[in-house]
N, C-alpha and C. Protein backbone atom coordinates (compact mmCIF):
# COMPACT_ATOMS: atom_id res chain seq x y z
N MET A 1 -3.89 -19.81 4.66
CA MET A 1 -3.38 -20.18 5.94
C MET A 1 -2.94 -19.02 6.81
N LYS A 2 -3.28 -18.99 8.05
CA LYS A 2 -2.78 -17.82 8.94
C LYS A 2 -1.56 -17.94 9.34
N GLU A 3 -0.74 -16.85 9.30
CA GLU A 3 0.82 -16.70 9.65
C GLU A 3 1.01 -15.41 10.19
N GLN A 4 2.19 -15.37 10.60
CA GLN A 4 2.81 -14.14 11.15
C GLN A 4 3.93 -13.50 10.26
N THR A 5 3.99 -12.28 10.25
CA THR A 5 5.27 -11.62 9.63
C THR A 5 5.67 -10.44 10.16
N LEU A 6 6.95 -10.17 10.07
CA LEU A 6 7.39 -9.13 10.90
C LEU A 6 7.56 -7.82 9.83
N VAL A 7 7.05 -6.59 10.19
CA VAL A 7 7.11 -5.31 9.17
C VAL A 7 7.82 -4.28 10.02
N ILE A 8 8.61 -3.62 9.39
CA ILE A 8 9.29 -2.38 9.77
C ILE A 8 9.01 -1.17 8.87
N ILE A 9 8.44 -0.01 9.33
CA ILE A 9 8.44 1.24 8.77
C ILE A 9 9.62 1.94 8.85
N LYS A 10 10.37 2.06 7.98
CA LYS A 10 11.77 2.67 8.12
C LYS A 10 11.61 4.19 8.43
N PRO A 11 13.00 4.53 8.68
CA PRO A 11 13.09 5.96 9.24
C PRO A 11 12.45 6.91 8.24
N ASP A 12 12.39 6.76 6.90
CA ASP A 12 11.85 7.55 6.00
C ASP A 12 10.29 7.77 6.18
N GLY A 13 9.83 6.47 6.23
CA GLY A 13 8.28 6.26 6.54
C GLY A 13 7.72 6.98 7.73
N VAL A 14 8.59 6.70 8.86
CA VAL A 14 8.20 7.35 9.92
C VAL A 14 8.15 9.00 9.99
N ALA A 15 9.32 9.31 9.40
CA ALA A 15 9.61 10.77 9.31
C ALA A 15 8.57 11.51 8.56
N ARG A 16 7.92 10.91 7.53
CA ARG A 16 7.09 11.43 6.60
C ARG A 16 5.75 11.12 7.06
N GLY A 17 5.52 10.50 8.09
CA GLY A 17 4.18 10.54 8.79
C GLY A 17 3.40 9.27 8.14
N LEU A 18 3.83 8.37 7.64
CA LEU A 18 3.20 7.34 7.08
C LEU A 18 2.83 6.04 7.88
N ILE A 19 3.14 5.99 9.12
CA ILE A 19 2.60 4.94 10.03
C ILE A 19 1.30 4.61 9.79
N GLY A 20 0.24 5.48 10.13
CA GLY A 20 -1.19 5.31 10.16
C GLY A 20 -1.54 4.76 8.61
N GLU A 21 -0.87 5.26 7.35
CA GLU A 21 -1.21 4.85 6.15
C GLU A 21 -0.88 3.63 5.90
N VAL A 22 0.29 3.14 6.36
CA VAL A 22 0.79 1.67 6.03
C VAL A 22 -0.16 0.82 7.07
N VAL A 23 -0.33 1.18 8.18
CA VAL A 23 -0.96 0.15 9.08
C VAL A 23 -2.54 0.04 8.50
N SER A 24 -3.02 1.12 8.17
CA SER A 24 -4.46 1.21 7.68
C SER A 24 -4.49 0.26 6.37
N ARG A 25 -3.57 0.42 5.46
CA ARG A 25 -3.65 -0.59 4.35
C ARG A 25 -3.59 -2.04 4.73
N TYR A 26 -2.79 -2.32 5.67
CA TYR A 26 -2.73 -3.77 6.11
C TYR A 26 -4.32 -4.12 6.78
N GLU A 27 -4.65 -3.29 7.63
CA GLU A 27 -5.82 -3.74 8.05
C GLU A 27 -7.06 -3.65 7.40
N LYS A 28 -7.24 -2.89 6.37
CA LYS A 28 -8.16 -2.93 5.26
C LYS A 28 -7.99 -4.38 4.69
N ARG A 29 -7.01 -5.22 4.56
CA ARG A 29 -6.85 -6.41 3.98
C ARG A 29 -7.10 -7.41 5.09
N LYS A 30 -7.45 -6.98 6.23
CA LYS A 30 -8.19 -8.00 7.33
C LYS A 30 -6.73 -8.39 8.01
N PHE A 31 -5.54 -7.92 8.02
CA PHE A 31 -4.65 -8.17 8.68
C PHE A 31 -4.67 -7.76 10.05
N GLU A 32 -4.10 -8.29 11.19
CA GLU A 32 -4.25 -7.81 12.43
C GLU A 32 -2.82 -7.52 13.05
N ILE A 33 -2.58 -6.52 13.59
CA ILE A 33 -1.25 -6.09 14.25
C ILE A 33 -1.28 -6.57 15.70
N SER A 34 -0.55 -7.57 15.95
CA SER A 34 -0.47 -8.32 17.24
C SER A 34 0.54 -7.73 18.07
N ALA A 35 1.63 -6.91 17.72
CA ALA A 35 2.46 -6.21 18.64
C ALA A 35 3.14 -5.17 17.83
N CYS A 36 3.53 -4.09 18.35
CA CYS A 36 4.08 -3.07 17.62
C CYS A 36 4.85 -2.06 18.60
N LYS A 37 5.93 -1.40 18.04
CA LYS A 37 6.53 -0.44 18.83
C LYS A 37 7.41 0.53 18.04
N ILE A 38 7.72 1.56 18.68
CA ILE A 38 8.43 2.73 17.97
C ILE A 38 9.90 2.64 18.70
N VAL A 39 10.98 2.32 17.89
CA VAL A 39 12.30 2.23 18.57
C VAL A 39 13.27 3.15 17.84
N GLN A 40 14.17 3.41 18.48
CA GLN A 40 15.34 4.13 17.98
C GLN A 40 16.58 2.87 18.08
N PRO A 41 16.68 2.27 16.84
CA PRO A 41 17.51 0.89 17.03
C PRO A 41 19.02 1.36 17.40
N SER A 42 19.73 0.34 17.88
CA SER A 42 21.09 0.39 18.10
C SER A 42 21.79 -0.07 16.82
N ARG A 43 23.13 0.27 16.52
CA ARG A 43 23.81 -0.28 15.35
C ARG A 43 23.98 -1.91 15.60
N VAL A 44 24.14 -2.28 16.74
CA VAL A 44 24.28 -3.79 16.88
C VAL A 44 22.90 -4.52 16.54
N VAL A 45 21.80 -4.13 16.90
CA VAL A 45 20.52 -4.47 16.39
C VAL A 45 20.24 -4.58 15.03
N VAL A 46 20.66 -3.34 14.10
CA VAL A 46 20.48 -3.36 12.81
C VAL A 46 21.51 -4.19 12.05
N GLU A 47 22.71 -4.21 12.60
CA GLU A 47 23.57 -4.99 11.99
C GLU A 47 23.09 -6.56 12.14
N ALA A 48 22.51 -6.93 13.06
CA ALA A 48 21.92 -8.24 13.31
C ALA A 48 20.96 -8.58 12.26
N HIS A 49 20.13 -7.70 12.37
CA HIS A 49 18.83 -7.67 11.42
C HIS A 49 19.35 -7.91 9.83
N TYR A 50 20.40 -7.18 9.50
CA TYR A 50 20.90 -7.10 7.85
C TYR A 50 22.28 -8.08 7.80
N GLU A 51 22.37 -9.02 8.87
CA GLU A 51 23.66 -9.72 8.91
C GLU A 51 23.92 -10.43 7.39
N GLU A 52 22.95 -10.76 6.66
CA GLU A 52 23.10 -11.51 5.44
C GLU A 52 23.79 -10.65 4.25
N HIS A 53 23.69 -9.20 4.63
CA HIS A 53 24.34 -8.27 3.59
C HIS A 53 25.69 -7.76 4.21
N LYS A 54 26.14 -8.30 5.23
CA LYS A 54 27.36 -7.74 5.61
C LYS A 54 28.47 -8.14 4.72
N GLY A 55 29.34 -7.11 4.33
CA GLY A 55 30.60 -7.19 3.54
C GLY A 55 30.03 -6.95 1.94
N LYS A 56 28.65 -6.64 1.96
CA LYS A 56 28.25 -5.99 0.51
C LYS A 56 28.56 -4.62 0.58
N ASP A 57 28.51 -3.96 -0.77
CA ASP A 57 28.94 -2.56 -0.73
C ASP A 57 27.83 -1.45 -0.26
N PHE A 58 26.70 -1.99 -0.22
CA PHE A 58 25.69 -1.11 0.33
C PHE A 58 25.44 -1.36 1.83
N PHE A 59 26.15 -2.13 2.47
CA PHE A 59 25.88 -2.66 3.82
C PHE A 59 25.97 -1.22 4.62
N GLU A 60 26.99 -0.49 4.68
CA GLU A 60 27.13 0.60 5.62
C GLU A 60 26.12 1.80 5.30
N GLU A 61 25.69 1.92 4.05
CA GLU A 61 24.73 2.93 3.61
C GLU A 61 23.34 2.54 4.37
N LEU A 62 23.15 1.15 4.31
CA LEU A 62 21.83 0.61 4.90
C LEU A 62 21.79 0.81 6.38
N ILE A 63 22.89 0.42 6.87
CA ILE A 63 22.96 0.45 8.46
C ILE A 63 22.75 2.15 8.83
N ASP A 64 23.63 2.99 8.28
CA ASP A 64 23.58 4.47 8.53
C ASP A 64 22.04 4.95 8.40
N TYR A 65 21.26 4.54 7.30
CA TYR A 65 19.99 4.88 6.99
C TYR A 65 19.01 4.54 7.99
N PHE A 66 19.26 3.42 8.48
CA PHE A 66 18.24 2.63 9.56
C PHE A 66 18.66 3.48 10.85
N LEU A 67 19.73 4.08 11.26
CA LEU A 67 20.04 4.66 12.23
C LEU A 67 19.61 6.02 12.29
N GLU A 68 19.24 6.52 11.17
CA GLU A 68 18.85 8.20 11.04
C GLU A 68 17.64 8.61 12.09
N GLY A 69 16.95 7.77 12.42
CA GLY A 69 15.73 8.06 13.25
C GLY A 69 14.88 6.91 13.51
N PRO A 70 13.84 7.14 14.46
CA PRO A 70 13.08 6.04 14.78
C PRO A 70 12.46 5.23 13.71
N ILE A 71 12.08 3.97 14.21
CA ILE A 71 11.40 3.05 13.13
C ILE A 71 10.28 2.45 13.90
N PHE A 72 9.45 1.98 13.20
CA PHE A 72 8.19 1.43 13.71
C PHE A 72 8.18 -0.22 13.34
N VAL A 73 8.21 -0.89 14.40
CA VAL A 73 8.13 -2.37 14.08
C VAL A 73 7.05 -3.00 14.55
N MET A 74 6.46 -3.98 13.66
CA MET A 74 5.17 -4.58 14.10
C MET A 74 5.12 -6.02 13.62
N LEU A 75 4.30 -6.94 14.26
CA LEU A 75 4.12 -8.17 13.81
C LEU A 75 2.68 -8.12 13.26
N VAL A 76 2.58 -8.55 12.09
CA VAL A 76 1.20 -8.77 11.41
C VAL A 76 0.83 -10.07 11.07
N GLU A 77 -0.34 -10.41 11.60
CA GLU A 77 -0.97 -11.66 11.34
C GLU A 77 -2.11 -11.64 10.30
N GLY A 78 -2.30 -12.79 9.66
CA GLY A 78 -3.40 -13.08 8.91
C GLY A 78 -3.02 -14.16 7.81
N SER A 79 -4.06 -14.37 6.95
CA SER A 79 -3.95 -15.39 5.95
C SER A 79 -2.89 -14.93 4.99
N GLU A 80 -1.97 -15.95 4.81
CA GLU A 80 -0.77 -15.85 3.87
C GLU A 80 0.10 -14.49 4.03
N ALA A 81 0.26 -14.07 5.32
CA ALA A 81 0.76 -12.69 5.73
C ALA A 81 2.02 -12.46 4.88
N ILE A 82 2.86 -13.49 5.05
CA ILE A 82 4.37 -13.23 4.25
C ILE A 82 4.12 -12.79 2.86
N GLU A 83 3.47 -13.49 2.14
CA GLU A 83 3.39 -13.25 0.59
C GLU A 83 2.49 -12.05 0.50
N VAL A 84 1.33 -11.99 0.91
CA VAL A 84 0.44 -10.76 0.73
C VAL A 84 1.11 -9.55 1.15
N ILE A 85 1.65 -9.37 2.34
CA ILE A 85 2.13 -8.26 2.79
C ILE A 85 3.43 -7.81 1.83
N ARG A 86 4.32 -8.64 1.62
CA ARG A 86 5.31 -8.33 0.54
C ARG A 86 4.72 -7.76 -0.85
N ASN A 87 3.67 -8.48 -1.26
CA ASN A 87 2.93 -7.99 -2.44
C ASN A 87 2.51 -6.58 -2.24
N MET A 88 1.90 -6.37 -1.07
CA MET A 88 1.25 -5.01 -0.87
C MET A 88 2.34 -3.99 -0.83
N ASN A 89 3.61 -4.41 -0.37
CA ASN A 89 4.72 -3.34 -0.22
C ASN A 89 5.31 -3.03 -1.40
N GLY A 90 5.26 -3.95 -2.54
CA GLY A 90 5.86 -3.60 -3.85
C GLY A 90 7.30 -3.77 -3.77
N ASP A 91 7.71 -3.87 -5.10
CA ASP A 91 9.06 -4.03 -5.37
C ASP A 91 9.99 -3.06 -4.63
N LYS A 92 11.17 -3.72 -4.13
CA LYS A 92 12.09 -2.87 -3.57
C LYS A 92 12.79 -1.73 -4.37
N ASN A 93 12.88 -2.09 -5.60
CA ASN A 93 13.13 -0.87 -6.51
C ASN A 93 12.02 0.06 -6.73
N PHE A 94 11.97 1.41 -6.47
CA PHE A 94 10.95 2.27 -6.45
C PHE A 94 10.58 2.51 -7.81
N LYS A 95 11.53 2.40 -8.90
CA LYS A 95 11.35 2.68 -10.11
C LYS A 95 10.41 1.64 -10.81
N VAL A 96 10.33 0.42 -10.27
CA VAL A 96 9.47 -0.56 -10.87
C VAL A 96 8.01 -1.10 -9.94
N ALA A 97 8.32 -0.46 -8.60
CA ALA A 97 7.06 -0.71 -7.79
C ALA A 97 5.86 -0.11 -8.36
N LEU A 98 4.69 -0.97 -8.33
CA LEU A 98 3.56 -0.54 -9.05
C LEU A 98 2.73 0.30 -8.29
N PRO A 99 2.10 1.31 -8.87
CA PRO A 99 1.18 2.08 -8.12
C PRO A 99 0.00 1.40 -7.57
N GLY A 100 -0.12 1.91 -6.32
CA GLY A 100 -1.06 0.96 -5.41
C GLY A 100 -0.58 0.23 -4.36
N THR A 101 0.79 0.03 -4.64
CA THR A 101 1.65 -0.55 -3.77
C THR A 101 2.17 0.67 -2.71
N ILE A 102 2.62 -0.08 -1.54
CA ILE A 102 3.08 1.03 -0.70
C ILE A 102 4.53 1.67 -1.13
N ARG A 103 5.24 0.82 -1.67
CA ARG A 103 6.63 1.52 -2.35
C ARG A 103 6.09 2.14 -3.65
N GLY A 104 5.37 1.76 -4.42
CA GLY A 104 4.89 2.43 -5.64
C GLY A 104 4.30 3.73 -5.49
N ASP A 105 3.67 3.89 -4.12
CA ASP A 105 3.09 5.13 -3.95
C ASP A 105 3.68 6.09 -3.30
N PHE A 106 4.93 5.61 -2.52
CA PHE A 106 5.62 6.49 -1.50
C PHE A 106 6.93 6.56 -1.55
N ALA A 107 7.62 5.43 -2.14
CA ALA A 107 9.14 5.41 -2.11
C ALA A 107 9.67 6.23 -3.24
N ASN A 108 10.82 6.80 -2.97
CA ASN A 108 11.64 7.71 -3.97
C ASN A 108 13.13 7.26 -3.97
N SER A 109 13.25 6.01 -3.54
CA SER A 109 14.70 5.66 -3.52
C SER A 109 14.73 3.99 -3.31
N THR A 110 15.52 3.22 -3.86
CA THR A 110 15.67 1.85 -3.53
C THR A 110 16.22 1.50 -2.14
N THR A 111 16.99 2.45 -1.43
CA THR A 111 17.26 2.31 -0.24
C THR A 111 16.24 2.71 0.88
N ARG A 112 15.90 4.05 0.60
CA ARG A 112 14.78 4.58 1.38
C ARG A 112 13.38 4.24 0.77
N ASN A 113 12.97 3.15 1.02
CA ASN A 113 11.82 2.55 0.29
C ASN A 113 10.59 2.36 1.38
N ILE A 114 10.55 3.00 2.46
CA ILE A 114 9.46 3.06 3.34
C ILE A 114 9.43 1.90 4.27
N VAL A 115 9.28 0.65 3.81
CA VAL A 115 8.97 -0.68 4.56
C VAL A 115 10.02 -1.65 4.49
N HIS A 116 10.01 -2.50 5.32
CA HIS A 116 10.55 -3.99 5.25
C HIS A 116 9.86 -4.92 5.73
N ALA A 117 9.58 -6.12 4.94
CA ALA A 117 8.82 -7.13 5.58
C ALA A 117 9.55 -8.35 5.32
N SER A 118 9.42 -9.28 6.34
CA SER A 118 10.26 -10.71 6.36
C SER A 118 9.86 -11.46 4.90
N ASP A 119 10.68 -12.28 4.47
CA ASP A 119 10.50 -12.70 3.26
C ASP A 119 10.10 -14.22 3.24
N SER A 120 10.38 -14.96 4.51
CA SER A 120 10.06 -16.16 4.67
C SER A 120 9.75 -16.61 6.24
N ARG A 121 9.23 -17.85 6.59
CA ARG A 121 9.14 -18.11 7.80
C ARG A 121 10.26 -18.10 8.76
N GLU A 122 11.34 -18.52 8.20
CA GLU A 122 12.67 -18.73 8.79
C GLU A 122 13.16 -17.15 9.26
N ALA A 123 12.84 -16.11 8.30
CA ALA A 123 13.18 -14.74 8.49
C ALA A 123 12.26 -14.22 9.52
N VAL A 124 10.98 -14.67 9.62
CA VAL A 124 10.10 -14.15 10.63
C VAL A 124 10.63 -14.32 11.95
N LYS A 125 10.98 -15.80 12.19
CA LYS A 125 11.49 -16.32 13.43
C LYS A 125 12.79 -15.46 13.72
N ARG A 126 13.58 -15.38 12.89
CA ARG A 126 14.99 -14.74 13.29
C ARG A 126 14.74 -13.14 13.47
N GLU A 127 13.79 -12.32 12.60
CA GLU A 127 13.70 -11.18 12.93
C GLU A 127 12.82 -10.77 14.01
N THR A 128 12.00 -11.65 14.40
CA THR A 128 11.16 -11.57 15.42
C THR A 128 12.06 -11.60 16.91
N GLU A 129 12.94 -12.37 16.82
CA GLU A 129 13.95 -12.55 18.03
C GLU A 129 14.96 -11.33 17.96
N ILE A 130 15.17 -10.72 16.91
CA ILE A 130 15.97 -9.48 17.09
C ILE A 130 15.02 -8.33 17.57
N TRP A 131 13.80 -8.21 17.04
CA TRP A 131 13.04 -6.92 17.41
C TRP A 131 11.99 -7.12 18.54
N PHE A 132 11.62 -8.43 18.76
CA PHE A 132 10.69 -8.53 19.94
C PHE A 132 11.31 -9.63 20.97
N PRO A 133 12.61 -9.32 21.32
CA PRO A 133 13.21 -10.49 22.12
C PRO A 133 12.41 -10.73 23.43
N GLU A 134 11.66 -9.83 23.73
CA GLU A 134 10.74 -10.20 25.01
C GLU A 134 9.88 -11.34 24.84
N ARG A 135 9.27 -11.56 23.58
CA ARG A 135 8.54 -12.58 23.20
C ARG A 135 9.15 -14.06 23.17
N HIS A 136 10.51 -13.93 23.23
CA HIS A 136 11.31 -15.44 23.05
C HIS A 136 12.07 -15.68 24.47
N LYS A 137 11.49 -15.09 25.66
CA LYS A 137 12.18 -15.52 26.84
C LYS A 137 11.50 -16.83 27.37
């Protein structure tokens, strides 16, 4: 089933020049990038994105990390996009992310793990409203 997901190449991925590599991997699997932009997010936007983690011990570290530099935000479309893209990204724990996945090949920290991808249709809707508000006017 064709669906859409939201992917963010985090500040470490952008700083390390991995935008092209990540996009290329998705496109080689026949996914399409329907919207994308590079942004320097505000604290308000990043806190809204990670609101489910508010109050957890790693929340501030996560927010500060996202504010370190620009990020690349994209909407990716294709068959079973949510599940397949998350599998392509690999486990968020870099120690167990399999070789061949984006995190398995490039991540060196559980926080600084190159990419984020929505985990459900509800998350796609919520996150798209945060990162692409112009699409919801």
